[in-house]
Amino acid sequence: MAPLAGVTVVEIGADVGLRYCGRLFGALGAQVLRPAGPRDDRRLGYAGAAGTAYGRWLDEHKIAQAPADLLTAPCDLVIGGQDRASVAEAEWLATEHRDRPPLLALNWFAPDRPYRDWIGTDEVMAALNGVAFPFGEAAGPPTLAQGHAPQITAGLTAFNAALGALLAPAGQRPARIDVNVYEASLTFCETGALTARATGVAAARLGVNRYVPTYPCSPYRSADGWSPRDRPGKPQPNCRQRASPPHRSRPRMPSATTRNSMPPASGARWTAPSWAFT
């Protein structure tokens, strides 16, 4: 029996972080309901058909229902976000529902903090939390990692918080749980920040794919498909997957730990002909 079998979650919203949170509930056996209706996910992920496929993945394990039916269906938790309208709709549903379920509100920024009126994106999060700083060419500007890592992290954070609430007896559950993408995404930089405070040494860009945090954080579209397919900074497993063992011994394709000790002249980095950034 699935761990969350018998739990019903209603999801209100279309952003990645919220939908990933709902996906986690569904993957563990909860019944996740969302309002029926078409979704245009072409701008998600790498956009186009890839974005549409990503949207289908986010909505896996979910059931689309008429909005009116969501008010009468059994409900243990309402999750809403990441725009104000979706949070307000979820709040209304949680208040009016006969089961009085807790509300999980996921926003880009804390609604009572200075950034509350900012428009959030994954790129804005990467810039604000400092993760962009150590990425890119050593003598060049910072490079923003692609993908929805800040939102995915926030979705997981929200899931953990909501699951903790559901583990409490029905009469002791909080009425509302607030999570925001900005504060959740700070987990990406907290280790480096503490290290810099303790040692006095700030992070530095050492070149693309030359040191652990400068490798690409997510798959990139390259000349021969999506890369890396295995793990960032690990070309050797990638070569095995691609049936290209000769590449494993090339000087410019060492593992991430070896690459750091090699001089820049060795060319141990991904160059423009190797990567087609989009």
C-alpha atoms as a PDB file:
ATOM      1  CA  MET A   1       0.000   0.000   0.000  1.00  0.00           C
ATOM      2  CA  ALA A   2       1.336   3.425  -0.949  1.00  0.00           C
ATOM      3  CA  PRO A   3       2.444   5.584   2.014  1.00  0.00           C
ATOM      4  CA  LEU A   4      -0.068   8.373   1.348  1.00  0.00           C
ATOM      5  CA  ALA A   5      -2.972   6.239   0.126  1.00  0.00           C
ATOM      6  CA  GLY A   6      -6.228   7.711   1.400  1.00  0.00           C
ATOM      7  CA  VAL A   7      -4.913  11.304   1.459  1.00  0.00           C
ATOM      8  CA  THR A   8      -6.551  13.794  -0.924  1.00  0.00           C
ATOM      9  CA  VAL A   9      -4.766  16.976  -2.009  1.00  0.00           C
ATOM     10  CA  VAL A  10      -6.269  19.779  -4.109  1.00  0.00           C
ATOM     11  CA  GLU A  11      -3.767  21.738  -6.214  1.00  0.00           C
ATOM     12  CA  ILE A  12      -4.518  25.293  -7.398  1.00  0.00           C
ATOM     13  CA  GLY A  13      -1.931  26.894  -9.680  1.00  0.00           C
ATOM     14  CA  ALA A  14       0.221  26.345 -12.757  1.00  0.00           C
ATOM     15  CA  ASP A  15       3.797  27.146 -11.711  1.00  0.00           C
ATOM     16  CA  VAL A  16       6.533  24.538 -11.599  1.00  0.00           C
ATOM     17  CA  GLY A  17       7.261  24.581  -7.859  1.00  0.00           C
ATOM     18  CA  LEU A  18       3.633  24.101  -6.889  1.00  0.00           C
ATOM     19  CA  ARG A  19       3.071  21.360  -9.452  1.00  0.00           C
ATOM     20  CA  TYR A  20       6.222  19.534  -8.390  1.00  0.00           C
ATOM     21  CA  CYS A  21       4.957  19.588  -4.808  1.00  0.00           C
ATOM     22  CA  GLY A  22       1.688  18.069  -5.992  1.00  0.00           C
ATOM     23  CA  ARG A  23       3.570  15.490  -8.039  1.00  0.00           C
ATOM     24  CA  LEU A  24       5.437  14.323  -4.943  1.00  0.00           C
ATOM     25  CA  PHE A  25       2.156  13.754  -3.122  1.00  0.00           C
ATOM     26  CA  GLY A  26       0.792  11.819  -6.084  1.00  0.00           C
ATOM     27  CA  ALA A  27       3.934   9.716  -6.465  1.00  0.00           C
ATOM     28  CA  LEU A  28       3.550   8.571  -2.858  1.00  0.00           C
ATOM     29  CA  GLY A  29      -0.032   7.482  -3.345  1.00  0.00           C
ATOM     30  CA  ALA A  30      -2.117  10.540  -2.476  1.00  0.00           C
ATOM     31  CA  GLN A  31      -5.059  11.462  -4.692  1.00  0.00           C
ATOM     32  CA  VAL A  32      -4.150  14.846  -6.185  1.00  0.00           C
ATOM     33  CA  LEU A  33      -6.980  16.838  -7.754  1.00  0.00           C
ATOM     34  CA  ARG A  34      -6.547  19.905  -9.930  1.00  0.00           C
ATOM     35  CA  PRO A  35      -8.979  22.109 -11.860  1.00  0.00           C
ATOM     36  CA  ALA A  36      -9.720  20.743 -15.327  1.00  0.00           C
ATOM     37  CA  GLY A  37      -8.737  22.814 -18.321  1.00  0.00           C
ATOM     38  CA  PRO A  38      -6.015  23.150 -20.965  1.00  0.00           C
ATOM     39  CA  ARG A  39      -2.510  24.169 -19.955  1.00  0.00           C
ATOM     40  CA  ASP A  40       0.035  25.817 -22.195  1.00  0.00           C
ATOM     41  CA  ASP A  41       3.371  24.548 -20.950  1.00  0.00           C
ATOM     42  CA  ARG A  42       5.401  25.472 -24.024  1.00  0.00           C
ATOM     43  CA  ARG A  43       7.437  28.007 -22.038  1.00  0.00           C
ATOM     44  CA  LEU A  44       8.491  25.548 -19.339  1.00  0.00           C
ATOM     45  CA  GLY A  45      11.915  23.933 -19.226  1.00  0.00           C
ATOM     46  CA  TYR A  46      13.541  24.152 -22.646  1.00  0.00           C
ATOM     47  CA  ALA A  47      10.300  25.399 -24.183  1.00  0.00           C
ATOM     48  CA  GLY A  48       8.309  24.075 -27.112  1.00  0.00           C
ATOM     49  CA  ALA A  49       7.652  20.353 -27.222  1.00  0.00           C
ATOM     50  CA  ALA A  50      10.171  19.781 -24.421  1.00  0.00           C
ATOM     51  CA  GLY A  51       8.232  22.201 -22.211  1.00  0.00           C
ATOM     52  CA  THR A  52       4.954  20.465 -22.964  1.00  0.00           C
ATOM     53  CA  ALA A  53       6.510  17.114 -22.063  1.00  0.00           C
ATOM     54  CA  TYR A  54       7.842  18.590 -18.843  1.00  0.00           C
ATOM     55  CA  GLY A  55       4.348  19.791 -17.980  1.00  0.00           C
ATOM     56  CA  ARG A  56       2.960  16.289 -18.531  1.00  0.00           C
ATOM     57  CA  TRP A  57       5.601  14.947 -16.174  1.00  0.00           C
ATOM     58  CA  LEU A  58       4.661  17.502 -13.505  1.00  0.00           C
ATOM     59  CA  ASP A  59       0.989  16.511 -13.784  1.00  0.00           C
ATOM     60  CA  GLU A  60       1.607  12.784 -13.570  1.00  0.00           C
ATOM     61  CA  HIS A  61      -0.521  11.028 -10.908  1.00  0.00           C
ATOM     62  CA  LYS A  62      -3.066  13.880 -10.904  1.00  0.00           C
ATOM     63  CA  ILE A  63      -6.789  13.941 -11.674  1.00  0.00           C
ATOM     64  CA  ALA A  64      -8.398  16.903 -13.428  1.00  0.00           C
ATOM     65  CA  GLN A  65     -11.851  17.802 -12.134  1.00  0.00           C
ATOM     66  CA  ALA A  66     -14.397  20.534 -12.731  1.00  0.00           C
ATOM     67  CA  PRO A  67     -13.641  23.443 -10.362  1.00  0.00           C
ATOM     68  CA  ALA A  68     -17.083  23.163  -8.727  1.00  0.00           C
ATOM     69  CA  ASP A  69     -16.414  19.527  -7.824  1.00  0.00           C
ATOM     70  CA  LEU A  70     -13.279  20.426  -5.881  1.00  0.00           C
ATOM     71  CA  LEU A  71     -15.416  22.043  -3.189  1.00  0.00           C
ATOM     72  CA  THR A  72     -17.407  18.872  -2.544  1.00  0.00           C
ATOM     73  CA  ALA A  73     -14.680  16.233  -2.899  1.00  0.00           C
ATOM     74  CA  PRO A  74     -12.990  15.016   0.304  1.00  0.00           C
ATOM     75  CA  CYS A  75      -9.880  17.067   1.032  1.00  0.00           C
ATOM     76  CA  ASP A  76      -6.982  16.759   3.490  1.00  0.00           C
ATOM     77  CA  LEU A  77      -4.822  19.585   2.116  1.00  0.00           C
ATOM     78  CA  VAL A  78      -5.118  22.503  -0.321  1.00  0.00           C
ATOM     79  CA  ILE A  79      -1.949  23.765  -2.018  1.00  0.00           C
ATOM     80  CA  GLY A  80      -1.938  27.025  -3.974  1.00  0.00           C
ATOM     81  CA  GLY A  81       0.572  29.266  -5.734  1.00  0.00           C
ATOM     82  CA  GLN A  82       2.729  30.749  -6.920  1.00  0.00           C
ATOM     83  CA  ASP A  83       0.836  33.864  -8.054  1.00  0.00           C
ATOM     84  CA  ARG A  84      -1.430  35.829  -5.747  1.00  0.00           C
ATOM     85  CA  ALA A  85      -4.620  34.904  -7.567  1.00  0.00           C
ATOM     86  CA  SER A  86      -3.952  31.174  -7.182  1.00  0.00           C
ATOM     87  CA  VAL A  87      -3.067  31.569  -3.511  1.00  0.00           C
ATOM     88  CA  ALA A  88      -6.275  33.550  -2.944  1.00  0.00           C
ATOM     89  CA  GLU A  89      -8.352  30.896  -4.720  1.00  0.00           C
ATOM     90  CA  ALA A  90      -6.733  28.135  -2.688  1.00  0.00           C
ATOM     91  CA  GLU A  91      -7.312  30.100   0.519  1.00  0.00           C
ATOM     92  CA  TRP A  92     -10.997  30.512  -0.324  1.00  0.00           C
ATOM     93  CA  LEU A  93     -11.330  26.798  -1.059  1.00  0.00           C
ATOM     94  CA  ALA A  94      -9.641  25.809   2.209  1.00  0.00           C
ATOM     95  CA  THR A  95     -11.887  28.188   4.156  1.00  0.00           C
ATOM     96  CA  GLU A  96     -15.158  27.167   2.521  1.00  0.00           C
ATOM     97  CA  HIS A  97     -14.531  23.428   2.310  1.00  0.00           C
ATOM     98  CA  ARG A  98     -16.472  21.342   4.818  1.00  0.00           C
ATOM     99  CA  ASP A  99     -13.334  19.425   5.821  1.00  0.00           C
ATOM    100  CA  ARG A 100     -11.464  22.635   6.756  1.00  0.00           C
ATOM    101  CA  PRO A 101      -8.190  21.368   5.284  1.00  0.00           C
ATOM    102  CA  PRO A 102      -4.879  23.148   5.955  1.00  0.00           C
ATOM    103  CA  LEU A 103      -3.658  25.557   3.284  1.00  0.00           C
ATOM    104  CA  LEU A 104      -0.147  25.333   1.863  1.00  0.00           C
ATOM    105  CA  ALA A 105       0.607  28.682   0.202  1.00  0.00           C
ATOM    106  CA  LEU A 106       3.674  28.746  -2.057  1.00  0.00           C
ATOM    107  CA  ASN A 107       4.839  32.204  -3.194  1.00  0.00           C
ATOM    108  CA  TRP A 108       7.900  33.449  -5.025  1.00  0.00           C
ATOM    109  CA  PHE A 109       8.691  35.769  -2.107  1.00  0.00           C
ATOM    110  CA  ALA A 110       7.381  36.057   1.440  1.00  0.00           C
ATOM    111  CA  PRO A 111       4.153  38.099   1.279  1.00  0.00           C
ATOM    112  CA  ASP A 112       5.179  40.231   4.277  1.00  0.00           C
ATOM    113  CA  ARG A 113       8.779  40.969   3.204  1.00  0.00           C
ATOM    114  CA  PRO A 114      10.334  43.735   1.044  1.00  0.00           C
ATOM    115  CA  TYR A 115      10.443  41.628  -2.148  1.00  0.00           C
ATOM    116  CA  ARG A 116       6.732  40.750  -2.011  1.00  0.00           C
ATOM    117  CA  ASP A 117       5.858  42.758  -5.140  1.00  0.00           C
ATOM    118  CA  TRP A 118       8.712  41.448  -7.262  1.00  0.00           C
ATOM    119  CA  ILE A 119       8.012  39.170 -10.210  1.00  0.00           C
ATOM    120  CA  GLY A 120       9.798  35.902  -9.571  1.00  0.00           C
ATOM    121  CA  THR A 121      11.631  33.674 -12.044  1.00  0.00           C
ATOM    122  CA  ASP A 122      14.240  30.956 -11.600  1.00  0.00           C
ATOM    123  CA  GLU A 123      16.849  33.337 -13.045  1.00  0.00           C
ATOM    124  CA  VAL A 124      15.966  36.037 -10.501  1.00  0.00           C
ATOM    125  CA  MET A 125      16.336  33.472  -7.713  1.00  0.00           C
ATOM    126  CA  ALA A 126      19.771  32.393  -8.983  1.00  0.00           C
ATOM    127  CA  ALA A 127      20.896  36.020  -9.051  1.00  0.00           C
ATOM    128  CA  LEU A 128      19.508  36.900  -5.605  1.00  0.00           C
ATOM    129  CA  ASN A 129      20.822  33.865  -3.766  1.00  0.00           C
ATOM    130  CA  GLY A 130      24.319  34.247  -5.208  1.00  0.00           C
ATOM    131  CA  VAL A 131      24.407  30.899  -6.991  1.00  0.00           C
ATOM    132  CA  ALA A 132      25.102  32.633 -10.314  1.00  0.00           C
ATOM    133  CA  PHE A 133      28.341  34.180  -9.044  1.00  0.00           C
ATOM    134  CA  PRO A 134      30.659  31.115  -9.241  1.00  0.00           C
ATOM    135  CA  PHE A 135      29.391  30.010 -12.666  1.00  0.00           C
ATOM    136  CA  GLY A 136      30.973  31.053 -15.954  1.00  0.00           C
ATOM    137  CA  GLU A 137      34.334  31.830 -17.504  1.00  0.00           C
ATOM    138  CA  ALA A 138      36.995  32.894 -14.998  1.00  0.00           C
ATOM    139  CA  ALA A 139      37.440  36.314 -16.601  1.00  0.00           C
ATOM    140  CA  GLY A 140      33.853  36.706 -17.766  1.00  0.00           C
ATOM    141  CA  PRO A 141      30.477  37.521 -16.294  1.00  0.00           C
ATOM    142  CA  PRO A 142      28.381  35.096 -14.226  1.00  0.00           C
ATOM    143  CA  THR A 143      26.412  32.485 -16.171  1.00  0.00           C
ATOM    144  CA  LEU A 144      22.914  31.542 -15.087  1.00  0.00           C
ATOM    145  CA  ALA A 145      22.288  27.812 -14.892  1.00  0.00           C
ATOM    146  CA  GLN A 146      19.316  26.628 -16.933  1.00  0.00           C
ATOM    147  CA  GLY A 147      16.351  24.807 -15.518  1.00  0.00           C
ATOM    148  CA  HIS A 148      13.891  25.186 -12.660  1.00  0.00           C
ATOM    149  CA  ALA A 149      16.139  24.192  -9.753  1.00  0.00           C
ATOM    150  CA  PRO A 150      14.910  26.992  -7.400  1.00  0.00           C
ATOM    151  CA  GLN A 151      11.270  26.066  -7.959  1.00  0.00           C
ATOM    152  CA  ILE A 152      11.931  22.340  -7.644  1.00  0.00           C
ATOM    153  CA  THR A 153      13.704  22.967  -4.342  1.00  0.00           C
ATOM    154  CA  ALA A 154      10.776  25.060  -3.134  1.00  0.00           C
ATOM    155  CA  GLY A 155       8.322  22.346  -4.160  1.00  0.00           C
ATOM    156  CA  LEU A 156      10.253  19.779  -2.126  1.00  0.00           C
ATOM    157  CA  THR A 157      10.473  22.171   0.836  1.00  0.00           C
ATOM    158  CA  ALA A 158       6.733  22.789   0.668  1.00  0.00           C
ATOM    159  CA  PHE A 159       6.060  19.051   0.449  1.00  0.00           C
ATOM    160  CA  ASN A 160       8.135  18.370   3.568  1.00  0.00           C
ATOM    161  CA  ALA A 161       6.366  21.113   5.526  1.00  0.00           C
ATOM    162  CA  ALA A 162       2.904  19.973   4.458  1.00  0.00           C
ATOM    163  CA  LEU A 163       3.663  16.324   5.126  1.00  0.00           C
ATOM    164  CA  GLY A 164       4.749  17.226   8.629  1.00  0.00           C
ATOM    165  CA  ALA A 165       1.431  18.985   9.166  1.00  0.00           C
ATOM    166  CA  LEU A 166      -0.539  15.995   7.894  1.00  0.00           C
ATOM    167  CA  LEU A 167       1.275  13.710  10.322  1.00  0.00           C
ATOM    168  CA  ALA A 168      -0.244  15.674  13.214  1.00  0.00           C
ATOM    169  CA  PRO A 169      -3.701  14.702  14.541  1.00  0.00           C
ATOM    170  CA  ALA A 170      -6.538  16.363  12.641  1.00  0.00           C
ATOM    171  CA  GLY A 171      -7.335  18.789  15.449  1.00  0.00           C
ATOM    172  CA  GLN A 172      -3.720  19.940  15.824  1.00  0.00           C
ATOM    173  CA  ARG A 173      -2.858  20.735  12.215  1.00  0.00           C
ATOM    174  CA  PRO A 174      -1.979  24.325  11.309  1.00  0.00           C
ATOM    175  CA  ALA A 175      -4.557  26.285   9.331  1.00  0.00           C
ATOM    176  CA  ARG A 176      -1.909  27.665   6.979  1.00  0.00           C
ATOM    177  CA  ILE A 177       1.677  26.900   5.939  1.00  0.00           C
ATOM    178  CA  ASP A 178       3.668  29.524   4.004  1.00  0.00           C
ATOM    179  CA  VAL A 179       6.688  28.653   1.858  1.00  0.00           C
ATOM    180  CA  ASN A 180       8.452  30.894  -0.658  1.00  0.00           C
ATOM    181  CA  VAL A 181      10.828  30.032  -3.491  1.00  0.00           C
ATOM    182  CA  TYR A 182      13.402  32.667  -2.576  1.00  0.00           C
ATOM    183  CA  GLU A 183      14.066  31.439   0.959  1.00  0.00           C
ATOM    184  CA  ALA A 184      13.913  27.780  -0.097  1.00  0.00           C
ATOM    185  CA  SER A 185      16.473  28.375  -2.849  1.00  0.00           C
ATOM    186  CA  LEU A 186      18.943  29.880  -0.377  1.00  0.00           C
ATOM    187  CA  THR A 187      19.872  26.299   0.463  1.00  0.00           C
ATOM    188  CA  PHE A 188      21.990  26.348  -2.702  1.00  0.00           C
ATOM    189  CA  CYS A 189      24.381  28.914  -1.267  1.00  0.00           C
ATOM    190  CA  GLU A 190      24.242  28.408   2.500  1.00  0.00           C
ATOM    191  CA  THR A 191      27.197  25.992   2.585  1.00  0.00           C
ATOM    192  CA  GLY A 192      29.402  28.306   0.560  1.00  0.00           C
ATOM    193  CA  ALA A 193      28.329  31.303   2.634  1.00  0.00           C
ATOM    194  CA  LEU A 194      29.252  29.576   5.893  1.00  0.00           C
ATOM    195  CA  THR A 195      32.582  28.476   4.429  1.00  0.00           C
ATOM    196  CA  ALA A 196      33.370  32.015   3.281  1.00  0.00           C
ATOM    197  CA  ARG A 197      32.482  33.369   6.716  1.00  0.00           C
ATOM    198  CA  ALA A 198      34.682  30.814   8.468  1.00  0.00           C
ATOM    199  CA  THR A 199      37.689  31.019   6.133  1.00  0.00           C
ATOM    200  CA  GLY A 200      37.418  34.518   4.711  1.00  0.00           C
ATOM    201  CA  VAL A 201      37.825  33.076   1.206  1.00  0.00           C
ATOM    202  CA  ALA A 202      35.024  33.965  -1.197  1.00  0.00           C
ATOM    203  CA  ALA A 203      33.964  31.739  -4.090  1.00  0.00           C
ATOM    204  CA  ALA A 204      35.734  32.417  -7.374  1.00  0.00           C
ATOM    205  CA  ARG A 205      34.957  31.460 -10.955  1.00  0.00           C
ATOM    206  CA  LEU A 206      37.633  29.091 -12.223  1.00  0.00           C
ATOM    207  CA  GLY A 207      36.191  28.464 -15.684  1.00  0.00           C
ATOM    208  CA  VAL A 208      33.337  26.508 -17.191  1.00  0.00           C
ATOM    209  CA  ASN A 209      33.346  22.841 -16.179  1.00  0.00           C
ATOM    210  CA  ARG A 210      36.663  23.148 -14.343  1.00  0.00           C
ATOM    211  CA  TYR A 211      35.587  22.964 -10.726  1.00  0.00           C
ATOM    212  CA  VAL A 212      32.612  21.744  -8.656  1.00  0.00           C
ATOM    213  CA  PRO A 213      30.472  24.472  -8.658  1.00  0.00           C
ATOM    214  CA  THR A 214      31.146  25.639 -12.195  1.00  0.00           C
ATOM    215  CA  TYR A 215      29.793  22.685 -14.136  1.00  0.00           C
ATOM    216  CA  PRO A 216      26.342  22.914 -15.764  1.00  0.00           C
ATOM    217  CA  CYS A 217      23.658  22.237 -13.147  1.00  0.00           C
ATOM    218  CA  SER A 218      21.154  20.808 -15.585  1.00  0.00           C
ATOM    219  CA  PRO A 219      21.053  19.106 -19.006  1.00  0.00           C
ATOM    220  CA  TYR A 220      22.023  21.297 -21.941  1.00  0.00           C
ATOM    221  CA  ARG A 221      21.172  20.854 -25.591  1.00  0.00           C
ATOM    222  CA  SER A 222      24.417  20.027 -27.413  1.00  0.00           C
ATOM    223  CA  ALA A 223      25.380  19.143 -30.971  1.00  0.00           C
ATOM    224  CA  ASP A 224      24.709  15.431 -30.436  1.00  0.00           C
ATOM    225  CA  GLY A 225      21.706  15.592 -28.116  1.00  0.00           C
ATOM    226  CA  TRP A 226      21.168  16.370 -24.460  1.00  0.00           C
ATOM    227  CA  SER A 227      24.288  16.506 -22.333  1.00  0.00           C
ATOM    228  CA  PRO A 228      25.277  15.637 -19.697  1.00  0.00           C
ATOM    229  CA  ARG A 229      22.975  12.629 -19.575  1.00  0.00           C
ATOM    230  CA  ASP A 230      24.359  11.125 -16.402  1.00  0.00           C
ATOM    231  CA  ARG A 231      25.713  13.606 -13.879  1.00  0.00           C
ATOM    232  CA  PRO A 232      27.156  17.112 -14.297  1.00  0.00           C
ATOM    233  CA  GLY A 233      30.917  17.151 -14.603  1.00  0.00           C
ATOM    234  CA  LYS A 234      31.144  13.399 -15.195  1.00  0.00           C
ATOM    235  CA  PRO A 235      31.979  12.889 -18.893  1.00  0.00           C
ATOM    236  CA  GLN A 236      33.173   9.306 -18.452  1.00  0.00           C
ATOM    237  CA  PRO A 237      29.770   7.871 -17.438  1.00  0.00           C
ATOM    238  CA  ASN A 238      28.285  10.001 -20.230  1.00  0.00           C
ATOM    239  CA  CYS A 239      30.627   8.415 -22.757  1.00  0.00           C
ATOM    240  CA  ARG A 240      29.660   4.940 -21.611  1.00  0.00           C
ATOM    241  CA  GLN A 241      25.993   5.795 -22.091  1.00  0.00           C
ATOM    242  CA  ARG A 242      26.698   7.159 -25.552  1.00  0.00           C
ATOM    243  CA  ALA A 243      28.786   4.126 -26.533  1.00  0.00           C
ATOM    244  CA  SER A 244      31.776   6.452 -27.038  1.00  0.00           C
ATOM    245  CA  PRO A 245      34.548   4.897 -24.928  1.00  0.00           C
ATOM    246  CA  PRO A 246      37.397   6.580 -26.916  1.00  0.00           C
ATOM    247  CA  HIS A 247      36.389   9.928 -25.406  1.00  0.00           C
ATOM    248  CA  ARG A 248      37.027   8.647 -21.884  1.00  0.00           C
ATOM    249  CA  SER A 249      40.821   8.892 -22.253  1.00  0.00           C
ATOM    250  CA  ARG A 250      40.988  12.311 -23.888  1.00  0.00           C
ATOM    251  CA  PRO A 251      42.865  14.914 -21.780  1.00  0.00           C
ATOM    252  CA  ARG A 252      40.032  17.421 -22.113  1.00  0.00           C
ATOM    253  CA  MET A 253      37.465  15.028 -20.658  1.00  0.00           C
ATOM    254  CA  PRO A 254      38.692  14.082 -17.175  1.00  0.00           C
ATOM    255  CA  SER A 255      36.431  13.709 -14.171  1.00  0.00           C
ATOM    256  CA  ALA A 256      35.529  16.815 -12.182  1.00  0.00           C
ATOM    257  CA  THR A 257      38.025  16.039  -9.398  1.00  0.00           C
ATOM    258  CA  THR A 258      40.899  15.568 -11.876  1.00  0.00           C
ATOM    259  CA  ARG A 259      39.969  18.619 -13.936  1.00  0.00           C
ATOM    260  CA  ASN A 260      40.612  20.989 -11.052  1.00  0.00           C
ATOM    261  CA  SER A 261      44.320  20.073 -10.939  1.00  0.00           C
ATOM    262  CA  MET A 262      44.899  20.503 -14.678  1.00  0.00           C
ATOM    263  CA  PRO A 263      46.202  23.775 -16.155  1.00  0.00           C
ATOM    264  CA  PRO A 264      43.876  25.810 -18.394  1.00  0.00           C
ATOM    265  CA  ALA A 265      46.120  25.057 -21.385  1.00  0.00           C
ATOM    266  CA  SER A 266      45.039  21.420 -21.253  1.00  0.00           C
ATOM    267  CA  GLY A 267      41.663  22.441 -22.615  1.00  0.00           C
ATOM    268  CA  ALA A 268      39.858  20.459 -19.944  1.00  0.00           C
ATOM    269  CA  ARG A 269      36.597  22.286 -20.375  1.00  0.00           C
ATOM    270  CA  TRP A 270      33.599  22.328 -22.661  1.00  0.00           C
ATOM    271  CA  THR A 271      34.203  24.746 -25.504  1.00  0.00           C
ATOM    272  CA  ALA A 272      31.761  26.463 -27.829  1.00  0.00           C
ATOM    273  CA  PRO A 273      31.885  23.741 -30.544  1.00  0.00           C
ATOM    274  CA  SER A 274      31.011  21.145 -27.894  1.00  0.00           C
ATOM    275  CA  TRP A 275      28.011  22.937 -26.421  1.00  0.00           C
ATOM    276  CA  ALA A 276      25.102  24.640 -28.112  1.00  0.00           C
ATOM    277  CA  PHE A 277      23.598  26.752 -25.353  1.00  0.00           C
ATOM    278  CA  THR A 278      19.962  27.723 -25.796  1.00  0.00           C
END
